[in-house]
C-alpha atoms as a PDB file:
ATOM      1  CA  ASN A   1     -30.368  22.664  22.538  1.00  0.00           C
ATOM      2  CA  THR A   2     -29.566  19.040  21.947  1.00  0.00           C
ATOM      3  CA  TYR A   3     -25.955  17.933  22.547  1.00  0.00           C
ATOM      4  CA  CYS A   4     -24.262  14.672  21.029  1.00  0.00           C
ATOM      5  CA  GLU A   5     -21.500  12.809  22.721  1.00  0.00           C
ATOM      6  CA  ILE A   6     -18.378  12.588  20.594  1.00  0.00           C
ATOM      7  CA  THR A   7     -15.500  10.446  21.543  1.00  0.00           C
ATOM      8  CA  TRP A   8     -11.843  10.894  20.339  1.00  0.00           C
ATOM      9  CA  VAL A   9      -9.129   8.375  20.593  1.00  0.00           C
ATOM     10  CA  THR A  10      -5.631   9.659  20.159  1.00  0.00           C
ATOM     11  CA  ALA A  11      -2.013   8.776  21.170  1.00  0.00           C
ATOM     12  CA  GLU A  12      -2.889  10.484  24.650  1.00  0.00           C
ATOM     13  CA  GLY A  13      -6.060   8.256  25.137  1.00  0.00           C
ATOM     14  CA  THR A  14      -9.677   8.909  25.007  1.00  0.00           C
ATOM     15  CA  ARG A  15     -11.448  12.382  25.258  1.00  0.00           C
ATOM     16  CA  VAL A  16     -15.197  12.883  25.285  1.00  0.00           C
ATOM     17  CA  ASP A  17     -16.809  16.052  24.116  1.00  0.00           C
ATOM     18  CA  SER A  18     -20.445  17.138  24.176  1.00  0.00           C
ATOM     19  CA  VAL A  19     -20.970  18.721  20.765  1.00  0.00           C
ATOM     20  CA  MET A  20     -24.138  20.824  19.777  1.00  0.00           C
ATOM     21  CA  TYR A  21     -26.538  18.789  17.365  1.00  0.00           C
ATOM     22  CA  GLY A  22     -25.917  19.682  13.861  1.00  0.00           C
ATOM     23  CA  THR A  23     -22.312  21.154  14.215  1.00  0.00           C
ATOM     24  CA  VAL A  24     -19.183  19.631  12.979  1.00  0.00           C
ATOM     25  CA  PRO A  25     -16.950  18.429  15.954  1.00  0.00           C
ATOM     26  CA  TRP A  26     -13.291  19.695  16.073  1.00  0.00           C
ATOM     27  CA  TYR A  27     -10.567  18.083  18.249  1.00  0.00           C
ATOM     28  CA  GLY A  28      -7.806  20.731  17.849  1.00  0.00           C
ATOM     29  CA  ILE A  29      -4.168  19.964  17.843  1.00  0.00           C
ATOM     30  CA  VAL A  30      -4.003  16.172  17.683  1.00  0.00           C
ATOM     31  CA  PRO A  31      -1.037  14.718  19.864  1.00  0.00           C
ATOM     32  CA  VAL A  32       1.155  12.183  18.218  1.00  0.00           C
ATOM     33  CA  PRO A  33       2.959   9.184  19.591  1.00  0.00           C
ATOM     34  CA  VAL A  34       6.550   9.375  20.859  1.00  0.00           C
ATOM     35  CA  GLY A  35       8.808   8.155  17.861  1.00  0.00           C
ATOM     36  CA  GLY A  36      11.958   6.191  17.836  1.00  0.00           C
ATOM     37  CA  GLU A  37      15.588   6.610  17.265  1.00  0.00           C
ATOM     38  CA  ASN A  38      15.297   6.869  13.363  1.00  0.00           C
ATOM     39  CA  TYR A  39      11.565   7.699  12.936  1.00  0.00           C
ATOM     40  CA  THR A  40       8.771   9.926  14.085  1.00  0.00           C
ATOM     41  CA  TYR A  41       4.950   9.830  13.992  1.00  0.00           C
ATOM     42  CA  GLU A  42       2.712  12.110  11.783  1.00  0.00           C
ATOM     43  CA  PHE A  43      -0.980  12.729  12.298  1.00  0.00           C
ATOM     44  CA  ALA A  44      -2.625  11.195   9.145  1.00  0.00           C
ATOM     45  CA  GLY A  45      -6.162  11.914   9.931  1.00  0.00           C
ATOM     46  CA  TRP A  46      -9.078  10.277  11.577  1.00  0.00           C
ATOM     47  CA  ASP A  47     -10.226   6.739  10.722  1.00  0.00           C
ATOM     48  CA  LYS A  48     -13.376   8.404   9.084  1.00  0.00           C
ATOM     49  CA  GLU A  49     -14.700  11.775   7.866  1.00  0.00           C
ATOM     50  CA  VAL A  50     -15.563  14.009  10.657  1.00  0.00           C
ATOM     51  CA  VAL A  51     -19.303  15.032   9.929  1.00  0.00           C
ATOM     52  CA  LYS A  52     -22.042  17.086  11.482  1.00  0.00           C
ATOM     53  CA  ALA A  53     -23.161  15.581  15.044  1.00  0.00           C
ATOM     54  CA  THR A  54     -26.404  13.793  14.874  1.00  0.00           C
ATOM     55  CA  GLY A  55     -25.769  11.235  17.544  1.00  0.00           C
ATOM     56  CA  PRO A  56     -22.927   9.559  19.537  1.00  0.00           C
ATOM     57  CA  ALA A  57     -19.783   9.062  17.386  1.00  0.00           C
ATOM     58  CA  THR A  58     -16.286   7.897  17.747  1.00  0.00           C
ATOM     59  CA  TYR A  59     -13.185   9.012  15.860  1.00  0.00           C
ATOM     60  CA  VAL A  60      -9.764   7.292  16.115  1.00  0.00           C
ATOM     61  CA  ALA A  61      -6.531   9.131  15.192  1.00  0.00           C
ATOM     62  CA  THR A  62      -4.432   7.363  12.728  1.00  0.00           C
ATOM     63  CA  TYR A  63      -0.543   7.910  12.413  1.00  0.00           C
ATOM     64  CA  ASN A  64       2.055   7.433   9.713  1.00  0.00           C
ATOM     65  CA  VAL A  65       5.643   6.670  10.433  1.00  0.00           C
ATOM     66  CA  VAL A  66       7.959   8.992   8.973  1.00  0.00           C
ATOM     67  CA  PRO A  67      11.726   7.615   8.549  1.00  0.00           C
ATOM     68  CA  SER A  68      14.321  10.100   9.673  1.00  0.00           C
ATOM     69  CA  GLU A  69      16.704  11.351   6.864  1.00  0.00           C
ATOM     70  CA  GLU A  70      19.360   9.046   8.407  1.00  0.00           C
ATOM     71  CA  SER A  71      17.459   5.866   7.958  1.00  0.00           C
ATOM     72  CA  ILE A  72      16.880   6.647   4.103  1.00  0.00           C
ATOM     73  CA  GLU A  73      19.256   5.747   1.617  1.00  0.00           C
ATOM     74  CA  GLY A  74      18.043   6.277  -2.059  1.00  0.00           C
ATOM     75  CA  GLY A  75      14.767   4.902  -2.384  1.00  0.00           C
ATOM     76  CA  SER A  76      15.035   2.597   0.747  1.00  0.00           C
ATOM     77  CA  ALA A  77      14.053   3.219   4.394  1.00  0.00           C
ATOM     78  CA  THR A  78      15.063   1.048   7.449  1.00  0.00           C
ATOM     79  CA  LEU A  79      12.958   0.844  10.420  1.00  0.00           C
ATOM     80  CA  PRO A  80      12.230  -1.368  13.501  1.00  0.00           C
ATOM     81  CA  VAL A  81       9.650  -4.196  13.101  1.00  0.00           C
ATOM     82  CA  ASN A  82       8.113  -2.856  16.324  1.00  0.00           C
ATOM     83  CA  VAL A  83       6.447   0.103  14.610  1.00  0.00           C
ATOM     84  CA  PHE A  84       3.736  -2.575  13.665  1.00  0.00           C
ATOM     85  CA  ASP A  85       3.143  -3.676  17.425  1.00  0.00           C
ATOM     86  CA  GLY A  86      -0.582  -3.429  18.338  1.00  0.00           C
ATOM     87  CA  LYS A  87      -1.689  -2.277  14.808  1.00  0.00           C
ATOM     88  CA  GLU A  88      -3.310  -4.119  11.919  1.00  0.00           C
ATOM     89  CA  SER A  89      -1.524  -2.178   9.527  1.00  0.00           C
ATOM     90  CA  GLN A  90       0.950   0.656   9.397  1.00  0.00           C
ATOM     91  CA  THR A  91       1.745   3.370   6.883  1.00  0.00           C
ATOM     92  CA  ILE A  92       5.341   4.253   6.263  1.00  0.00           C
ATOM     93  CA  GLU A  93       5.589   7.773   4.437  1.00  0.00           C
ATOM     94  CA  THR A  94       8.595   9.312   2.787  1.00  0.00           C
ATOM     95  CA  LYS A  95       8.749  12.290   0.364  1.00  0.00           C
ATOM     96  CA  ASP A  96       9.027   9.909  -2.669  1.00  0.00           C
ATOM     97  CA  TRP A  97       6.606   7.183  -1.599  1.00  0.00           C
ATOM     98  CA  VAL A  98       3.899   6.163   0.790  1.00  0.00           C
ATOM     99  CA  ILE A  99       3.245   2.270   1.644  1.00  0.00           C
ATOM    100  CA  GLU A 100       0.574   0.824   3.952  1.00  0.00           C
ATOM    101  CA  LEU A 101       1.613  -2.619   5.101  1.00  0.00           C
ATOM    102  CA  PRO A 102      -0.604  -5.236   6.970  1.00  0.00           C
ATOM    103  CA  SER A 103       1.129  -6.168  10.313  1.00  0.00           C
ATOM    104  CA  ALA A 104       0.620  -9.903   9.592  1.00  0.00           C
ATOM    105  CA  ILE A 105       3.563  -9.810   7.011  1.00  0.00           C
ATOM    106  CA  PHE A 106       5.787  -9.062  10.133  1.00  0.00           C
ATOM    107  CA  GLU A 107       4.643 -11.843  12.393  1.00  0.00           C
ATOM    108  CA  GLY A 108       7.527 -13.773  13.874  1.00  0.00           C
ATOM    109  CA  TYR A 109      10.192 -11.058  13.357  1.00  0.00           C
ATOM    110  CA  ASP A 110      11.509  -8.684  15.871  1.00  0.00           C
ATOM    111  CA  GLY A 111      14.486  -6.793  14.329  1.00  0.00           C
ATOM    112  CA  ASP A 112      14.528  -4.284  11.540  1.00  0.00           C
ATOM    113  CA  PHE A 113      13.102  -4.093   7.950  1.00  0.00           C
ATOM    114  CA  THR A 114      14.186  -2.430   4.882  1.00  0.00           C
ATOM    115  CA  ILE A 115      11.555  -1.271   2.216  1.00  0.00           C
ATOM    116  CA  SER A 116      12.551   0.280  -1.050  1.00  0.00           C
ATOM    117  CA  VAL A 117      10.866   1.838  -3.960  1.00  0.00           C
ATOM    118  CA  GLU A 118      12.873   2.928  -6.678  1.00  0.00           C
ATOM    119  CA  ILE A 119      12.543   3.910 -10.562  1.00  0.00           C
ATOM    120  CA  ILE A 120      15.592   2.244 -11.914  1.00  0.00           C
ATOM    121  CA  ASP A 121      17.741   3.686 -14.927  1.00  0.00           C
ATOM    122  CA  ASN A 122      17.363   1.407 -17.963  1.00  0.00           C
ATOM    123  CA  ALA A 123      20.943   0.628 -17.964  1.00  0.00           C
ATOM    124  CA  ASP A 124      20.679  -0.907 -14.523  1.00  0.00           C
ATOM    125  CA  VAL A 125      17.477  -3.159 -15.394  1.00  0.00           C
ATOM    126  CA  PRO A 126      18.081  -6.858 -15.435  1.00  0.00           C
ATOM    127  CA  LYS A 127      18.347  -8.426 -18.904  1.00  0.00           C
ATOM    128  CA  ASP A 128      15.402 -10.706 -18.363  1.00  0.00           C
ATOM    129  CA  VAL A 129      13.268  -7.754 -17.473  1.00  0.00           C
ATOM    130  CA  ILE A 130      14.050  -5.175 -19.894  1.00  0.00           C
ATOM    131  CA  GLY A 131      12.591  -7.230 -22.635  1.00  0.00           C
ATOM    132  CA  PHE A 132       9.020  -6.480 -21.184  1.00  0.00           C
ATOM    133  CA  VAL A 133       9.253  -2.781 -20.924  1.00  0.00           C
ATOM    134  CA  GLY A 134      11.374  -1.328 -23.793  1.00  0.00           C
ATOM    135  CA  GLU A 135      11.906   2.229 -22.950  1.00  0.00           C
ATOM    136  CA  LYS A 136       9.330   2.449 -20.049  1.00  0.00           C
ATOM    137  CA  LYS A 137      10.358   3.164 -16.522  1.00  0.00           C
ATOM    138  CA  VAL A 138      10.927   0.169 -14.357  1.00  0.00           C
ATOM    139  CA  ILE A 139       9.769   0.444 -10.788  1.00  0.00           C
ATOM    140  CA  SER A 140      11.542  -1.746  -8.293  1.00  0.00           C
ATOM    141  CA  LEU A 141       9.615  -2.680  -4.979  1.00  0.00           C
ATOM    142  CA  GLY A 142      11.572  -4.548  -2.339  1.00  0.00           C
ATOM    143  CA  LEU A 143      11.137  -5.727   1.308  1.00  0.00           C
ATOM    144  CA  THR A 144      13.747  -7.245   3.484  1.00  0.00           C
ATOM    145  CA  ILE A 145      12.931  -8.195   7.105  1.00  0.00           C
ATOM    146  CA  ASP A 146      15.625  -9.148   9.499  1.00  0.00           C
ATOM    147  CA  GLY A 147      17.803  -9.838   6.420  1.00  0.00           C
ATOM    148  CA  ASN A 148      15.374 -12.132   4.549  1.00  0.00           C
ATOM    149  CA  VAL A 149      13.872 -10.933   1.363  1.00  0.00           C
ATOM    150  CA  VAL A 150      10.157 -11.047   1.470  1.00  0.00           C
ATOM    151  CA  SER A 151       8.368 -10.664  -1.793  1.00  0.00           C
ATOM    152  CA  ASP A 152       5.086 -12.807  -1.712  1.00  0.00           C
ATOM    153  CA  PHE A 153       2.596 -11.641   1.028  1.00  0.00           C
ATOM    154  CA  GLY A 154      -0.064 -14.311   0.279  1.00  0.00           C
ATOM    155  CA  LYS A 155      -3.547 -12.799   0.893  1.00  0.00           C
ATOM    156  CA  GLU A 156      -2.081  -9.755   2.639  1.00  0.00           C
ATOM    157  CA  ILE A 157      -2.755  -6.598   0.425  1.00  0.00           C
ATOM    158  CA  VAL A 158      -0.013  -3.725   0.318  1.00  0.00           C
ATOM    159  CA  THR A 159      -1.120  -0.397  -0.908  1.00  0.00           C
ATOM    160  CA  VAL A 160       1.785   1.403  -2.670  1.00  0.00           C
ATOM    161  CA  SER A 161       1.976   5.068  -3.865  1.00  0.00           C
ATOM    162  CA  PHE A 162       5.097   6.285  -5.431  1.00  0.00           C
ATOM    163  CA  ASN A 163       6.020   9.716  -7.227  1.00  0.00           C
ATOM    164  CA  TYR A 164       5.995   9.504 -10.923  1.00  0.00           C
ATOM    165  CA  VAL A 165       6.771  11.923 -13.516  1.00  0.00           C
ATOM    166  CA  PRO A 166       5.104  11.025 -16.931  1.00  0.00           C
ATOM    167  CA  ASP A 167       7.184  11.257 -20.221  1.00  0.00           C
ATOM    168  CA  GLU A 168       5.990  13.628 -22.743  1.00  0.00           C
ATOM    169  CA  GLY A 169       2.816  12.530 -24.335  1.00  0.00           C
ATOM    170  CA  GLU A 170       2.190   9.763 -21.702  1.00  0.00           C
ATOM    171  CA  ARG A 171      -1.486   9.617 -20.685  1.00  0.00           C
ATOM    172  CA  MET A 172      -2.078   9.281 -16.990  1.00  0.00           C
ATOM    173  CA  ASP A 173      -5.888   9.335 -16.902  1.00  0.00           C
ATOM    174  CA  ASN A 174      -6.614   5.549 -17.241  1.00  0.00           C
ATOM    175  CA  ILE A 175      -3.542   3.578 -16.152  1.00  0.00           C
ATOM    176  CA  SER A 176      -2.406   0.273 -14.669  1.00  0.00           C
ATOM    177  CA  VAL A 177       0.647  -0.889 -13.100  1.00  0.00           C
ATOM    178  CA  PHE A 178       2.019  -4.163 -14.509  1.00  0.00           C
ATOM    179  CA  TRP A 179       4.011  -6.705 -12.765  1.00  0.00           C
ATOM    180  CA  ILE A 180       6.719  -8.286 -14.633  1.00  0.00           C
ATOM    181  CA  ASP A 181       6.320 -11.954 -14.036  1.00  0.00           C
ATOM    182  CA  VAL A 182       9.724 -13.001 -15.417  1.00  0.00           C
ATOM    183  CA  GLU A 183       9.452 -16.705 -14.226  1.00  0.00           C
ATOM    184  CA  ASN A 184       6.316 -17.297 -16.387  1.00  0.00           C
ATOM    185  CA  GLY A 185       7.163 -14.854 -19.132  1.00  0.00           C
ATOM    186  CA  ARG A 186       4.141 -12.668 -18.919  1.00  0.00           C
ATOM    187  CA  THR A 187       3.039  -9.368 -17.301  1.00  0.00           C
ATOM    188  CA  VAL A 188      -0.011  -9.099 -15.068  1.00  0.00           C
ATOM    189  CA  GLU A 189      -2.093  -6.005 -14.941  1.00  0.00           C
ATOM    190  CA  TYR A 190      -3.040  -4.119 -11.588  1.00  0.00           C
ATOM    191  CA  PRO A 191      -5.363  -0.995 -11.874  1.00  0.00           C
ATOM    192  CA  ALA A 192      -3.864   2.091 -10.608  1.00  0.00           C
ATOM    193  CA  VAL A 193      -4.791   5.831 -10.256  1.00  0.00           C
ATOM    194  CA  PHE A 194      -2.666   8.944 -10.937  1.00  0.00           C
ATOM    195  CA  ASP A 195      -3.174  11.838  -8.483  1.00  0.00           C
ATOM    196  CA  VAL A 196      -2.382  14.964 -10.411  1.00  0.00           C
ATOM    197  CA  LYS A 197      -2.055  17.022  -7.319  1.00  0.00           C
ATOM    198  CA  THR A 198       0.416  14.820  -5.691  1.00  0.00           C
ATOM    199  CA  GLY A 199       1.962  13.290  -8.737  1.00  0.00           C
ATOM    200  CA  MET A 200       1.713   9.851  -7.285  1.00  0.00           C
ATOM    201  CA  VAL A 201       0.663   6.567  -8.736  1.00  0.00           C
ATOM    202  CA  THR A 202      -1.448   4.280  -6.378  1.00  0.00           C
ATOM    203  CA  PHE A 203      -2.126   0.650  -6.482  1.00  0.00           C
ATOM    204  CA  ASP A 204      -2.684  -2.523  -4.486  1.00  0.00           C
ATOM    205  CA  THR A 205      -0.523  -5.505  -4.700  1.00  0.00           C
ATOM    206  CA  THR A 206       0.156  -8.844  -2.693  1.00  0.00           C
ATOM    207  CA  HIS A 207       3.872  -9.072  -3.655  1.00  0.00           C
ATOM    208  CA  PHE A 208       6.917  -6.925  -4.640  1.00  0.00           C
ATOM    209  CA  SER A 209       8.845  -7.351  -7.761  1.00  0.00           C
ATOM    210  CA  TYR A 210       9.514  -5.230 -10.934  1.00  0.00           C
ATOM    211  CA  TRP A 211       6.687  -3.135 -12.279  1.00  0.00           C
ATOM    212  CA  TYR A 212       5.902  -0.565 -15.021  1.00  0.00           C
ATOM    213  CA  VAL A 213       3.129   1.970 -15.765  1.00  0.00           C
ATOM    214  CA  ASP A 214       1.122   1.756 -18.943  1.00  0.00           C
ATOM    215  CA  GLU A 215      -2.456   2.640 -20.271  1.00  0.00           C
ATOM    216  CA  ARG A 216      -5.128   0.283 -18.711  1.00  0.00           C
ATOM    217  CA  THR A 217      -6.442  -2.648 -20.763  1.00  0.00           C
ATOM    218  CA  CYS A 218      -8.767  -4.329 -18.285  1.00  0.00           C
ATOM    219  CA  ASP A 219     -12.350  -3.485 -17.747  1.00  0.00           C
ATOM    220  CA  ASP A 220     -12.374  -3.766 -13.943  1.00  0.00           C
ATOM    221  CA  ASP A 221     -10.299  -2.942 -10.792  1.00  0.00           C
ATOM    222  CA  SER A 222      -9.301  -6.362  -9.802  1.00  0.00           C
ATOM    223  CA  SER A 223      -7.453  -7.941 -12.648  1.00  0.00           C
ATOM    224  CA  GLY A 224      -4.220  -8.659 -10.854  1.00  0.00           C
ATOM    225  CA  PHE A 225      -5.949 -10.681  -8.178  1.00  0.00           C
ATOM    226  CA  ASP A 226      -8.533 -12.371 -10.537  1.00  0.00           C
ATOM    227  CA  VAL A 227      -5.908 -14.004 -12.587  1.00  0.00           C
ATOM    228  CA  TYR A 228      -5.044 -16.480  -9.836  1.00  0.00           C
ATOM    229  CA  VAL A 229      -8.569 -17.163  -9.052  1.00  0.00           C
ATOM    230  CA  THR A 230      -9.225 -17.864 -12.610  1.00  0.00           C
ATOM    231  CA  VAL A 231      -6.351 -20.309 -12.912  1.00  0.00           C
ATOM    232  CA  VAL A 232      -7.617 -22.251  -9.852  1.00  0.00           C
ATOM    233  CA  LEU A 233     -11.145 -22.385 -11.251  1.00  0.00           C
ATOM    234  CA  VAL A 234      -9.709 -23.666 -14.592  1.00  0.00           C
ATOM    235  CA  ILE A 235      -7.904 -26.429 -12.922  1.00  0.00           C
ATOM    236  CA  VAL A 236     -10.986 -27.537 -10.729  1.00  0.00           C
ATOM    237  CA  ALA A 237     -12.985 -27.547 -13.837  1.00  0.00           C
ATOM    238  CA  LEU A 238     -10.612 -29.764 -15.619  1.00  0.00           C
ATOM    239  CA  LEU A 239     -10.385 -32.126 -12.467  1.00  0.00           C
ATOM    240  CA  CYS A 240     -14.131 -32.397 -12.285  1.00  0.00           C
ATOM    241  CA  ALA A 241     -14.416 -33.184 -16.200  1.00  0.00           C
ATOM    242  CA  ALA A 242     -11.775 -35.818 -15.805  1.00  0.00           C
ATOM    243  CA  LEU A 243     -13.520 -37.519 -12.774  1.00  0.00           C
ATOM    244  CA  LEU A 244     -16.977 -37.577 -14.586  1.00  0.00           C
ATOM    245  CA  ARG A 245     -15.099 -39.431 -17.628  1.00  0.00           C
ATOM    246  CA  MET A 246     -13.644 -41.818 -15.374  1.00  0.00           C
ATOM    247  CA  LYS A 247     -17.191 -42.600 -13.683  1.00  0.00           C
ATOM    248  CA  ARG A 248     -18.403 -43.289 -17.175  1.00  0.00           C
END
């Protein structure tokens, strides 16, 4: 019989198993890291799908941070920044939302951060926002680090999932989440998906603000990010045209 070397990397270190060729490796009960005063860790799966052994393979355990009930108030959770130490990103999970944040967002900070995902009652929606949504639910995303509001993440992409109960007759098979850009008087579309089993809407974004869910109007999965690239390209094209006219 041929055996394959399978390496497992978990919170306790590295374990190497010899697994028979063609069989699916199995680790057993996966250890989790020690949590902190107001949070625990939960095993969230391996970094890739565990498949039949056909050669050497390495699987790395991933863990979500689960805030304690005491650290959650409404849709907000407060945690120490050090949960990002030594990681490229970290997923924060509550019963109402799951957010994966790149560690780069927290560089230079060493205190606490508060992250919030809330569906706001229309009566509490700011007047400059309500005009964009009518009767639709407004989702507020917020992040405060060391007391500083951080809403623009630059090139860093944050993955957001939140519980969403569709209204009667609301279609969820082809949706987007729309950013309400109050400053520029517009909305920007970000393609999203609705998981019927979990009841969660998931999308990627580079900033936090006010949002709402509606039927998708774009043709691809990148409209929210492409809008900025398009603007830059238009500006560059105009500058090039102006320079050519000057040379003539």
